[in-house]
Amino acid sequence: MNKFIQLACAALLSFSALAAQTAVTQLDILNLKAQSEHVLTSGQPNQTDFAKLKQLGVENIINLRGDNETNWSEQELVTELGMNYYHIPVQSKADITIENATKLQALLNEHQQQTTLLHCASSNRVGALVALYNAVTLKKPVDEAVEIGKQWGLKSLEGVVRSKVNEEVGQL
């Protein structure tokens, strides 16, 4: 009986992940990817994408872009659509910090049963904060943390992540 329940749970999880990935294919947003049943990552959605995200069940938007990176108010649009909006400005390499990575993880944990889109311009900053959190807080080997970060969008900020991990680990 126990094995049957495990198999049923595994099947349901697989179906949920497949459903999330299927929803992702309905949108044309840069680097859009389902990380789990409830977490999507991407580059910057355009204004019409947010209404589509709402229709697909996205309840939370976490924006890592700097304050002046768009010429329209994402917060205003997202809240008008009835979604929750959170902003952790990562304007430069200096903002790739364990503090920001921890804030991000706290938001993901707080909304783990709700569908959340986490984005920056390309998802590079998303992956950088995820990698940093995995290396410093979860104490995963830096190469493993970087690989996880790459799954979340890390590209050109890999050197910054490795440097920040060395700084943080040296202070522990």
N, C-alpha and C. Protein backbone atom coordinates (compact mmCIF):
# COMPACT_ATOMS: atom_id res chain seq x y z
N MET A 1 0.82 -1.20 0.00
CA MET A 1 0.00 0.00 0.00
C MET A 1 0.86 1.26 0.00
N ASN A 2 1.91 1.26 0.81
CA ASN A 2 2.79 2.41 0.90
C ASN A 2 3.43 2.73 -0.45
N LYS A 3 3.86 1.68 -1.18
CA LYS A 3 4.47 1.90 -2.50
C LYS A 3 3.45 2.47 -3.47
N PHE A 4 2.21 2.04 -3.36
CA PHE A 4 1.16 2.57 -4.23
C PHE A 4 0.97 4.08 -3.99
N ILE A 5 0.94 4.47 -2.73
CA ILE A 5 0.79 5.90 -2.38
C ILE A 5 1.97 6.69 -2.91
N GLN A 6 3.17 6.16 -2.76
CA GLN A 6 4.36 6.84 -3.28
C GLN A 6 4.27 6.99 -4.79
N LEU A 7 3.86 5.94 -5.49
CA LEU A 7 3.72 6.00 -6.95
C LEU A 7 2.66 7.02 -7.36
N ALA A 8 1.55 7.04 -6.64
CA ALA A 8 0.48 7.99 -6.94
C ALA A 8 0.95 9.42 -6.73
N CYS A 9 1.68 9.65 -5.64
CA CYS A 9 2.22 11.00 -5.37
C CYS A 9 3.22 11.41 -6.45
N ALA A 10 4.07 10.49 -6.83
CA ALA A 10 5.06 10.79 -7.89
C ALA A 10 4.35 11.13 -9.19
N ALA A 11 3.30 10.40 -9.52
CA ALA A 11 2.54 10.66 -10.74
C ALA A 11 1.88 12.04 -10.70
N LEU A 12 1.29 12.37 -9.54
CA LEU A 12 0.66 13.69 -9.40
C LEU A 12 1.68 14.82 -9.52
N LEU A 13 2.84 14.66 -8.89
CA LEU A 13 3.89 15.69 -9.00
C LEU A 13 4.35 15.84 -10.43
N SER A 14 4.53 14.73 -11.14
CA SER A 14 4.95 14.78 -12.54
C SER A 14 3.90 15.50 -13.37
N PHE A 15 2.62 15.19 -13.12
CA PHE A 15 1.54 15.84 -13.84
C PHE A 15 1.52 17.34 -13.56
N SER A 16 1.72 17.73 -12.30
CA SER A 16 1.72 19.15 -11.93
C SER A 16 2.85 19.89 -12.62
N ALA A 17 4.04 19.30 -12.64
CA ALA A 17 5.18 19.92 -13.31
C ALA A 17 4.92 20.03 -14.80
N LEU A 18 4.32 19.00 -15.39
CA LEU A 18 3.99 19.02 -16.81
C LEU A 18 2.97 20.11 -17.11
N ALA A 19 1.97 20.26 -16.24
CA ALA A 19 0.96 21.30 -16.42
C ALA A 19 1.60 22.69 -16.36
N ALA A 20 2.52 22.89 -15.44
CA ALA A 20 3.21 24.18 -15.33
C ALA A 20 4.02 24.45 -16.58
N GLN A 21 4.72 23.43 -17.09
CA GLN A 21 5.53 23.60 -18.30
C GLN A 21 4.63 23.87 -19.51
N THR A 22 3.46 23.23 -19.56
CA THR A 22 2.52 23.45 -20.66
C THR A 22 2.02 24.89 -20.64
N ALA A 23 1.73 25.42 -19.46
CA ALA A 23 1.30 26.81 -19.34
C ALA A 23 2.37 27.75 -19.86
N VAL A 24 3.61 27.41 -19.59
CA VAL A 24 4.75 28.23 -20.02
C VAL A 24 4.80 28.32 -21.54
N THR A 25 4.48 27.23 -22.23
CA THR A 25 4.58 27.24 -23.69
C THR A 25 3.51 28.11 -24.33
N GLN A 26 2.51 28.53 -23.58
CA GLN A 26 1.46 29.39 -24.11
C GLN A 26 1.88 30.86 -24.17
N LEU A 27 3.02 31.18 -23.60
CA LEU A 27 3.48 32.56 -23.55
C LEU A 27 4.80 32.71 -24.29
N ASP A 28 5.02 33.91 -24.83
CA ASP A 28 6.27 34.19 -25.52
C ASP A 28 7.06 35.24 -24.72
N ILE A 29 7.59 34.79 -23.58
CA ILE A 29 8.37 35.66 -22.71
C ILE A 29 9.80 35.13 -22.70
N LEU A 30 10.76 36.03 -22.82
CA LEU A 30 12.18 35.66 -22.87
C LEU A 30 12.56 34.75 -21.71
N ASN A 31 13.17 33.62 -22.02
CA ASN A 31 13.71 32.67 -21.04
C ASN A 31 12.67 32.17 -20.03
N LEU A 32 11.41 32.14 -20.40
CA LEU A 32 10.37 31.66 -19.49
C LEU A 32 10.54 30.16 -19.26
N LYS A 33 10.58 29.80 -17.98
CA LYS A 33 10.80 28.40 -17.62
C LYS A 33 10.09 28.10 -16.31
N ALA A 34 9.48 26.90 -16.25
CA ALA A 34 8.87 26.44 -15.00
C ALA A 34 9.96 25.77 -14.17
N GLN A 35 10.25 26.33 -13.00
CA GLN A 35 11.24 25.74 -12.11
C GLN A 35 10.62 24.65 -11.25
N SER A 36 9.34 24.79 -11.00
CA SER A 36 8.57 23.82 -10.22
C SER A 36 7.10 24.04 -10.55
N GLU A 37 6.25 23.34 -9.85
CA GLU A 37 4.81 23.50 -10.07
C GLU A 37 4.36 24.94 -9.83
N HIS A 38 5.00 25.62 -8.89
CA HIS A 38 4.53 26.96 -8.49
C HIS A 38 5.49 28.10 -8.79
N VAL A 39 6.66 27.83 -9.37
CA VAL A 39 7.63 28.90 -9.61
C VAL A 39 8.03 28.94 -11.08
N LEU A 40 7.81 30.11 -11.67
CA LEU A 40 8.25 30.38 -13.04
C LEU A 40 9.34 31.44 -12.98
N THR A 41 10.30 31.35 -13.88
CA THR A 41 11.33 32.37 -14.00
C THR A 41 11.36 32.87 -15.44
N SER A 42 11.80 34.12 -15.61
CA SER A 42 11.84 34.66 -16.97
C SER A 42 12.63 35.95 -17.02
N GLY A 43 12.76 36.42 -18.27
CA GLY A 43 13.18 37.79 -18.51
C GLY A 43 11.96 38.68 -18.34
N GLN A 44 12.08 39.92 -18.76
CA GLN A 44 11.02 40.91 -18.57
C GLN A 44 9.78 40.59 -19.41
N PRO A 45 8.63 40.35 -18.75
CA PRO A 45 7.39 40.24 -19.52
C PRO A 45 6.97 41.62 -20.03
N ASN A 46 6.25 41.64 -21.16
CA ASN A 46 5.73 42.94 -21.61
C ASN A 46 4.39 43.17 -20.92
N GLN A 47 3.80 44.33 -21.15
CA GLN A 47 2.60 44.71 -20.42
C GLN A 47 1.43 43.76 -20.68
N THR A 48 1.28 43.27 -21.89
CA THR A 48 0.16 42.36 -22.17
C THR A 48 0.41 40.96 -21.60
N ASP A 49 1.67 40.60 -21.39
CA ASP A 49 1.98 39.29 -20.81
C ASP A 49 1.43 39.14 -19.40
N PHE A 50 1.36 40.22 -18.64
CA PHE A 50 0.91 40.12 -17.26
C PHE A 50 -0.55 39.68 -17.17
N ALA A 51 -1.40 40.15 -18.08
CA ALA A 51 -2.80 39.71 -18.09
C ALA A 51 -2.88 38.22 -18.41
N LYS A 52 -2.04 37.76 -19.32
CA LYS A 52 -2.01 36.33 -19.67
C LYS A 52 -1.51 35.51 -18.48
N LEU A 53 -0.50 36.02 -17.79
CA LEU A 53 0.01 35.33 -16.60
C LEU A 53 -1.08 35.20 -15.54
N LYS A 54 -1.85 36.26 -15.36
CA LYS A 54 -2.96 36.24 -14.40
C LYS A 54 -3.97 35.17 -14.80
N GLN A 55 -4.30 35.09 -16.09
CA GLN A 55 -5.26 34.09 -16.58
C GLN A 55 -4.75 32.67 -16.36
N LEU A 56 -3.43 32.50 -16.39
CA LEU A 56 -2.84 31.17 -16.18
C LEU A 56 -2.68 30.82 -14.71
N GLY A 57 -3.09 31.74 -13.82
CA GLY A 57 -3.07 31.44 -12.40
C GLY A 57 -1.90 31.99 -11.62
N VAL A 58 -1.08 32.84 -12.24
CA VAL A 58 0.03 33.45 -11.51
C VAL A 58 -0.55 34.44 -10.51
N GLU A 59 -0.14 34.31 -9.25
CA GLU A 59 -0.66 35.16 -8.19
C GLU A 59 0.35 36.19 -7.70
N ASN A 60 1.65 35.90 -7.89
CA ASN A 60 2.70 36.76 -7.35
C ASN A 60 3.73 37.06 -8.43
N ILE A 61 4.19 38.30 -8.44
CA ILE A 61 5.27 38.71 -9.34
C ILE A 61 6.39 39.22 -8.45
N ILE A 62 7.59 38.68 -8.66
CA ILE A 62 8.78 39.19 -7.97
C ILE A 62 9.70 39.75 -9.05
N ASN A 63 9.96 41.04 -8.97
CA ASN A 63 10.75 41.76 -9.95
C ASN A 63 12.12 42.09 -9.35
N LEU A 64 13.18 41.65 -10.02
CA LEU A 64 14.54 41.94 -9.56
C LEU A 64 15.18 43.08 -10.33
N ARG A 65 14.45 43.70 -11.23
CA ARG A 65 15.03 44.79 -12.02
C ARG A 65 15.16 46.06 -11.18
N GLY A 66 16.06 46.92 -11.62
CA GLY A 66 16.26 48.20 -10.94
C GLY A 66 15.06 49.12 -11.13
N ASP A 67 15.03 50.17 -10.34
CA ASP A 67 13.89 51.08 -10.33
C ASP A 67 13.60 51.74 -11.67
N ASN A 68 14.61 52.04 -12.45
CA ASN A 68 14.41 52.82 -13.68
C ASN A 68 14.69 52.02 -14.94
N GLU A 69 14.47 50.71 -14.90
CA GLU A 69 14.77 49.88 -16.06
C GLU A 69 13.62 49.77 -17.06
N THR A 70 12.43 50.21 -16.70
CA THR A 70 11.32 50.25 -17.65
C THR A 70 10.72 51.66 -17.62
N ASN A 71 10.02 52.00 -18.68
CA ASN A 71 9.40 53.33 -18.74
C ASN A 71 7.91 53.28 -18.40
N TRP A 72 7.50 52.24 -17.69
CA TRP A 72 6.12 52.09 -17.23
C TRP A 72 6.16 51.46 -15.85
N SER A 73 5.06 51.56 -15.12
CA SER A 73 5.02 51.06 -13.75
C SER A 73 4.51 49.63 -13.72
N GLU A 74 5.44 48.70 -13.55
CA GLU A 74 5.07 47.29 -13.45
C GLU A 74 4.22 47.06 -12.20
N GLN A 75 4.60 47.69 -11.10
CA GLN A 75 3.85 47.52 -9.85
C GLN A 75 2.40 47.92 -10.03
N GLU A 76 2.16 49.06 -10.65
CA GLU A 76 0.80 49.54 -10.85
C GLU A 76 0.00 48.56 -11.72
N LEU A 77 0.58 48.10 -12.80
CA LEU A 77 -0.10 47.17 -13.70
C LEU A 77 -0.42 45.85 -12.99
N VAL A 78 0.56 45.29 -12.31
CA VAL A 78 0.40 44.00 -11.65
C VAL A 78 -0.67 44.08 -10.56
N THR A 79 -0.63 45.13 -9.76
CA THR A 79 -1.62 45.24 -8.68
C THR A 79 -3.02 45.53 -9.23
N GLU A 80 -3.12 46.28 -10.34
CA GLU A 80 -4.42 46.51 -10.97
C GLU A 80 -5.03 45.19 -11.46
N LEU A 81 -4.18 44.26 -11.87
CA LEU A 81 -4.65 42.96 -12.33
C LEU A 81 -5.00 42.02 -11.17
N GLY A 82 -4.72 42.46 -9.93
CA GLY A 82 -5.08 41.66 -8.77
C GLY A 82 -4.01 40.68 -8.32
N MET A 83 -2.79 40.86 -8.82
CA MET A 83 -1.68 40.01 -8.38
C MET A 83 -0.87 40.76 -7.34
N ASN A 84 -0.12 40.01 -6.55
CA ASN A 84 0.78 40.60 -5.56
C ASN A 84 2.09 40.95 -6.25
N TYR A 85 2.66 42.09 -5.89
CA TYR A 85 3.90 42.56 -6.51
C TYR A 85 4.96 42.74 -5.43
N TYR A 86 6.15 42.19 -5.70
CA TYR A 86 7.28 42.33 -4.79
C TYR A 86 8.48 42.78 -5.61
N HIS A 87 9.27 43.66 -5.02
CA HIS A 87 10.41 44.23 -5.74
C HIS A 87 11.67 44.15 -4.88
N ILE A 88 12.65 43.47 -5.43
CA ILE A 88 13.98 43.44 -4.82
C ILE A 88 14.92 44.00 -5.88
N PRO A 89 15.21 45.30 -5.81
CA PRO A 89 16.02 45.90 -6.88
C PRO A 89 17.47 45.40 -6.88
N VAL A 90 17.84 44.81 -8.00
CA VAL A 90 19.22 44.36 -8.22
C VAL A 90 19.69 45.14 -9.44
N GLN A 91 20.21 46.33 -9.17
CA GLN A 91 20.58 47.25 -10.24
C GLN A 91 21.98 47.01 -10.77
N SER A 92 22.85 46.44 -9.95
CA SER A 92 24.23 46.23 -10.38
C SER A 92 24.79 45.00 -9.69
N LYS A 93 26.02 44.67 -10.03
CA LYS A 93 26.71 43.53 -9.43
C LYS A 93 26.78 43.67 -7.91
N ALA A 94 26.84 44.90 -7.45
CA ALA A 94 26.93 45.15 -6.00
C ALA A 94 25.67 44.67 -5.27
N ASP A 95 24.57 44.54 -6.01
CA ASP A 95 23.31 44.10 -5.39
C ASP A 95 23.14 42.58 -5.40
N ILE A 96 24.11 41.86 -5.94
CA ILE A 96 24.12 40.40 -5.85
C ILE A 96 24.70 40.09 -4.47
N THR A 97 23.81 40.07 -3.48
CA THR A 97 24.22 39.91 -2.08
C THR A 97 23.46 38.78 -1.43
N ILE A 98 24.01 38.26 -0.36
CA ILE A 98 23.31 37.22 0.39
C ILE A 98 22.04 37.80 1.03
N GLU A 99 22.04 39.08 1.35
CA GLU A 99 20.83 39.71 1.89
C GLU A 99 19.69 39.66 0.87
N ASN A 100 19.99 40.04 -0.37
CA ASN A 100 18.96 40.00 -1.42
C ASN A 100 18.57 38.56 -1.75
N ALA A 101 19.53 37.66 -1.75
CA ALA A 101 19.23 36.25 -2.01
C ALA A 101 18.32 35.69 -0.91
N THR A 102 18.55 36.10 0.32
CA THR A 102 17.74 35.64 1.45
C THR A 102 16.33 36.24 1.37
N LYS A 103 16.22 37.51 0.99
CA LYS A 103 14.90 38.14 0.81
C LYS A 103 14.10 37.39 -0.25
N LEU A 104 14.79 37.06 -1.34
CA LEU A 104 14.13 36.34 -2.43
C LEU A 104 13.64 34.98 -1.95
N GLN A 105 14.50 34.24 -1.27
CA GLN A 105 14.10 32.91 -0.80
C GLN A 105 12.96 33.00 0.20
N ALA A 106 12.96 34.03 1.04
CA ALA A 106 11.87 34.20 2.00
C ALA A 106 10.54 34.42 1.28
N LEU A 107 10.55 35.21 0.20
CA LEU A 107 9.32 35.42 -0.57
C LEU A 107 8.86 34.13 -1.24
N LEU A 108 9.80 33.38 -1.80
CA LEU A 108 9.44 32.11 -2.43
C LEU A 108 8.87 31.14 -1.40
N ASN A 109 9.46 31.11 -0.22
CA ASN A 109 8.95 30.24 0.86
C ASN A 109 7.56 30.67 1.31
N GLU A 110 7.38 31.98 1.45
CA GLU A 110 6.10 32.52 1.92
C GLU A 110 4.96 32.17 0.96
N HIS A 111 5.27 32.11 -0.33
CA HIS A 111 4.24 31.88 -1.34
C HIS A 111 4.40 30.53 -2.04
N GLN A 112 4.96 29.57 -1.34
CA GLN A 112 5.28 28.29 -1.97
C GLN A 112 4.08 27.52 -2.48
N GLN A 113 2.90 27.81 -2.01
CA GLN A 113 1.69 27.13 -2.50
C GLN A 113 0.94 27.97 -3.53
N GLN A 114 1.51 29.09 -3.92
CA GLN A 114 0.90 29.95 -4.93
C GLN A 114 1.85 30.05 -6.12
N THR A 115 1.30 30.27 -7.30
CA THR A 115 2.14 30.39 -8.48
C THR A 115 2.78 31.77 -8.52
N THR A 116 4.09 31.78 -8.69
CA THR A 116 4.88 33.00 -8.64
C THR A 116 5.76 33.09 -9.88
N LEU A 117 5.81 34.27 -10.49
CA LEU A 117 6.77 34.54 -11.55
C LEU A 117 7.88 35.41 -10.97
N LEU A 118 9.09 34.96 -11.13
CA LEU A 118 10.28 35.67 -10.67
C LEU A 118 11.05 36.10 -11.91
N HIS A 119 11.31 37.41 -12.05
CA HIS A 119 11.97 37.85 -13.28
C HIS A 119 12.95 39.00 -13.04
N CYS A 120 13.82 39.17 -14.02
CA CYS A 120 14.65 40.37 -14.18
C CYS A 120 14.58 40.68 -15.67
N ALA A 121 15.64 41.20 -16.27
CA ALA A 121 15.58 41.47 -17.71
C ALA A 121 15.71 40.20 -18.53
N SER A 122 16.60 39.28 -18.09
CA SER A 122 16.86 38.07 -18.87
C SER A 122 16.79 36.79 -18.04
N SER A 123 16.74 36.88 -16.77
CA SER A 123 16.76 35.83 -15.72
C SER A 123 18.18 35.56 -15.22
N ASN A 124 19.15 36.34 -15.66
CA ASN A 124 20.54 36.22 -15.20
C ASN A 124 20.66 36.58 -13.71
N ARG A 125 20.04 37.67 -13.30
CA ARG A 125 20.08 38.07 -11.89
C ARG A 125 19.31 37.09 -11.01
N VAL A 126 18.23 36.53 -11.56
CA VAL A 126 17.46 35.50 -10.86
C VAL A 126 18.40 34.34 -10.51
N GLY A 127 19.08 33.82 -11.53
CA GLY A 127 19.99 32.69 -11.33
C GLY A 127 21.14 33.03 -10.40
N ALA A 128 21.62 34.27 -10.46
CA ALA A 128 22.73 34.68 -9.59
C ALA A 128 22.32 34.62 -8.12
N LEU A 129 21.15 35.15 -7.79
CA LEU A 129 20.71 35.13 -6.39
C LEU A 129 20.41 33.70 -5.92
N VAL A 130 19.85 32.89 -6.79
CA VAL A 130 19.56 31.50 -6.43
C VAL A 130 20.87 30.75 -6.19
N ALA A 131 21.85 30.95 -7.04
CA ALA A 131 23.15 30.28 -6.87
C ALA A 131 23.82 30.72 -5.58
N LEU A 132 23.81 32.02 -5.31
CA LEU A 132 24.43 32.54 -4.10
C LEU A 132 23.77 31.96 -2.85
N TYR A 133 22.45 31.90 -2.84
CA TYR A 133 21.73 31.34 -1.70
C TYR A 133 22.09 29.87 -1.49
N ASN A 134 22.14 29.12 -2.58
CA ASN A 134 22.47 27.70 -2.49
C ASN A 134 23.89 27.48 -1.97
N ALA A 135 24.83 28.32 -2.38
CA ALA A 135 26.22 28.15 -1.96
C ALA A 135 26.43 28.59 -0.52
N VAL A 136 25.92 29.76 -0.17
CA VAL A 136 26.22 30.33 1.14
C VAL A 136 25.28 29.81 2.23
N THR A 137 24.00 29.89 2.01
CA THR A 137 23.04 29.51 3.05
C THR A 137 22.85 28.00 3.13
N LEU A 138 22.69 27.37 1.98
CA LEU A 138 22.48 25.92 1.97
C LEU A 138 23.79 25.14 1.96
N LYS A 139 24.91 25.87 1.86
CA LYS A 139 26.26 25.30 1.94
C LYS A 139 26.52 24.20 0.91
N LYS A 140 25.97 24.40 -0.28
CA LYS A 140 26.26 23.48 -1.37
C LYS A 140 27.60 23.86 -1.99
N PRO A 141 28.33 22.90 -2.54
CA PRO A 141 29.58 23.24 -3.22
C PRO A 141 29.32 24.29 -4.31
N VAL A 142 30.26 25.20 -4.48
CA VAL A 142 30.04 26.32 -5.38
C VAL A 142 29.72 25.86 -6.80
N ASP A 143 30.36 24.81 -7.29
CA ASP A 143 30.07 24.33 -8.64
C ASP A 143 28.62 23.84 -8.75
N GLU A 144 28.15 23.16 -7.73
CA GLU A 144 26.76 22.68 -7.72
C GLU A 144 25.80 23.86 -7.65
N ALA A 145 26.10 24.83 -6.81
CA ALA A 145 25.26 26.02 -6.67
C ALA A 145 25.19 26.79 -7.99
N VAL A 146 26.31 26.91 -8.67
CA VAL A 146 26.35 27.60 -9.96
C VAL A 146 25.50 26.84 -10.99
N GLU A 147 25.57 25.53 -11.00
CA GLU A 147 24.74 24.74 -11.92
C GLU A 147 23.26 24.95 -11.65
N ILE A 148 22.89 25.00 -10.38
CA ILE A 148 21.49 25.29 -10.03
C ILE A 148 21.13 26.69 -10.52
N GLY A 149 22.02 27.64 -10.29
CA GLY A 149 21.80 29.01 -10.77
C GLY A 149 21.61 29.06 -12.28
N LYS A 150 22.38 28.27 -13.01
CA LYS A 150 22.24 28.24 -14.47
C LYS A 150 20.87 27.71 -14.88
N GLN A 151 20.34 26.76 -14.13
CA GLN A 151 19.00 26.25 -14.43
C GLN A 151 17.95 27.35 -14.24
N TRP A 152 18.25 28.29 -13.37
CA TRP A 152 17.34 29.41 -13.09
C TRP A 152 17.65 30.64 -13.94
N GLY A 153 18.68 30.58 -14.80
CA GLY A 153 18.96 31.69 -15.71
C GLY A 153 20.32 32.33 -15.60
N LEU A 154 21.16 31.89 -14.68
CA LEU A 154 22.49 32.47 -14.51
C LEU A 154 23.31 32.33 -15.78
N LYS A 155 23.93 33.42 -16.21
CA LYS A 155 24.82 33.41 -17.38
C LYS A 155 26.06 34.23 -17.06
N SER A 156 26.04 35.48 -17.45
CA SER A 156 27.23 36.33 -17.36
C SER A 156 27.62 36.72 -15.94
N LEU A 157 26.77 36.50 -14.97
CA LEU A 157 27.09 36.86 -13.59
C LEU A 157 27.75 35.72 -12.81
N GLU A 158 28.13 34.64 -13.48
CA GLU A 158 28.74 33.51 -12.79
C GLU A 158 30.00 33.93 -12.03
N GLY A 159 30.85 34.73 -12.64
CA GLY A 159 32.07 35.19 -11.96
C GLY A 159 31.76 36.00 -10.72
N VAL A 160 30.73 36.83 -10.79
CA VAL A 160 30.31 37.63 -9.64
C VAL A 160 29.85 36.70 -8.52
N VAL A 161 29.06 35.69 -8.87
CA VAL A 161 28.57 34.74 -7.86
C VAL A 161 29.74 34.04 -7.19
N ARG A 162 30.68 33.54 -7.99
CA ARG A 162 31.83 32.83 -7.42
C ARG A 162 32.64 33.74 -6.50
N SER A 163 32.80 34.98 -6.89
CA SER A 163 33.53 35.95 -6.06
C SER A 163 32.79 36.23 -4.76
N LYS A 164 31.48 36.43 -4.85
CA LYS A 164 30.67 36.71 -3.65
C LYS A 164 30.67 35.50 -2.70
N VAL A 165 30.63 34.29 -3.28
CA VAL A 165 30.67 33.09 -2.44
C VAL A 165 31.99 33.05 -1.70
N ASN A 166 33.09 33.32 -2.38
CA ASN A 166 34.40 33.35 -1.72
C ASN A 166 34.45 34.38 -0.60
N GLU A 167 33.87 35.57 -0.84
CA GLU A 167 33.83 36.60 0.20
C GLU A 167 33.01 36.15 1.40
N GLU A 168 31.82 35.61 1.14
CA GLU A 168 30.91 35.20 2.20
C GLU A 168 31.46 34.02 3.00
N VAL A 169 31.98 33.03 2.30
CA VAL A 169 32.50 31.84 2.98
C VAL A 169 33.73 32.21 3.80
N GLY A 170 34.52 33.15 3.30
CA GLY A 170 35.70 33.60 4.04
C GLY A 170 35.34 34.30 5.34
N GLN A 171 34.11 34.87 5.40
CA GLN A 171 33.68 35.58 6.60
C GLN A 171 33.02 34.66 7.61
N LEU A 172 32.69 33.45 7.21
CA LEU A 172 31.99 32.53 8.13
C LEU A 172 32.91 31.99 9.18
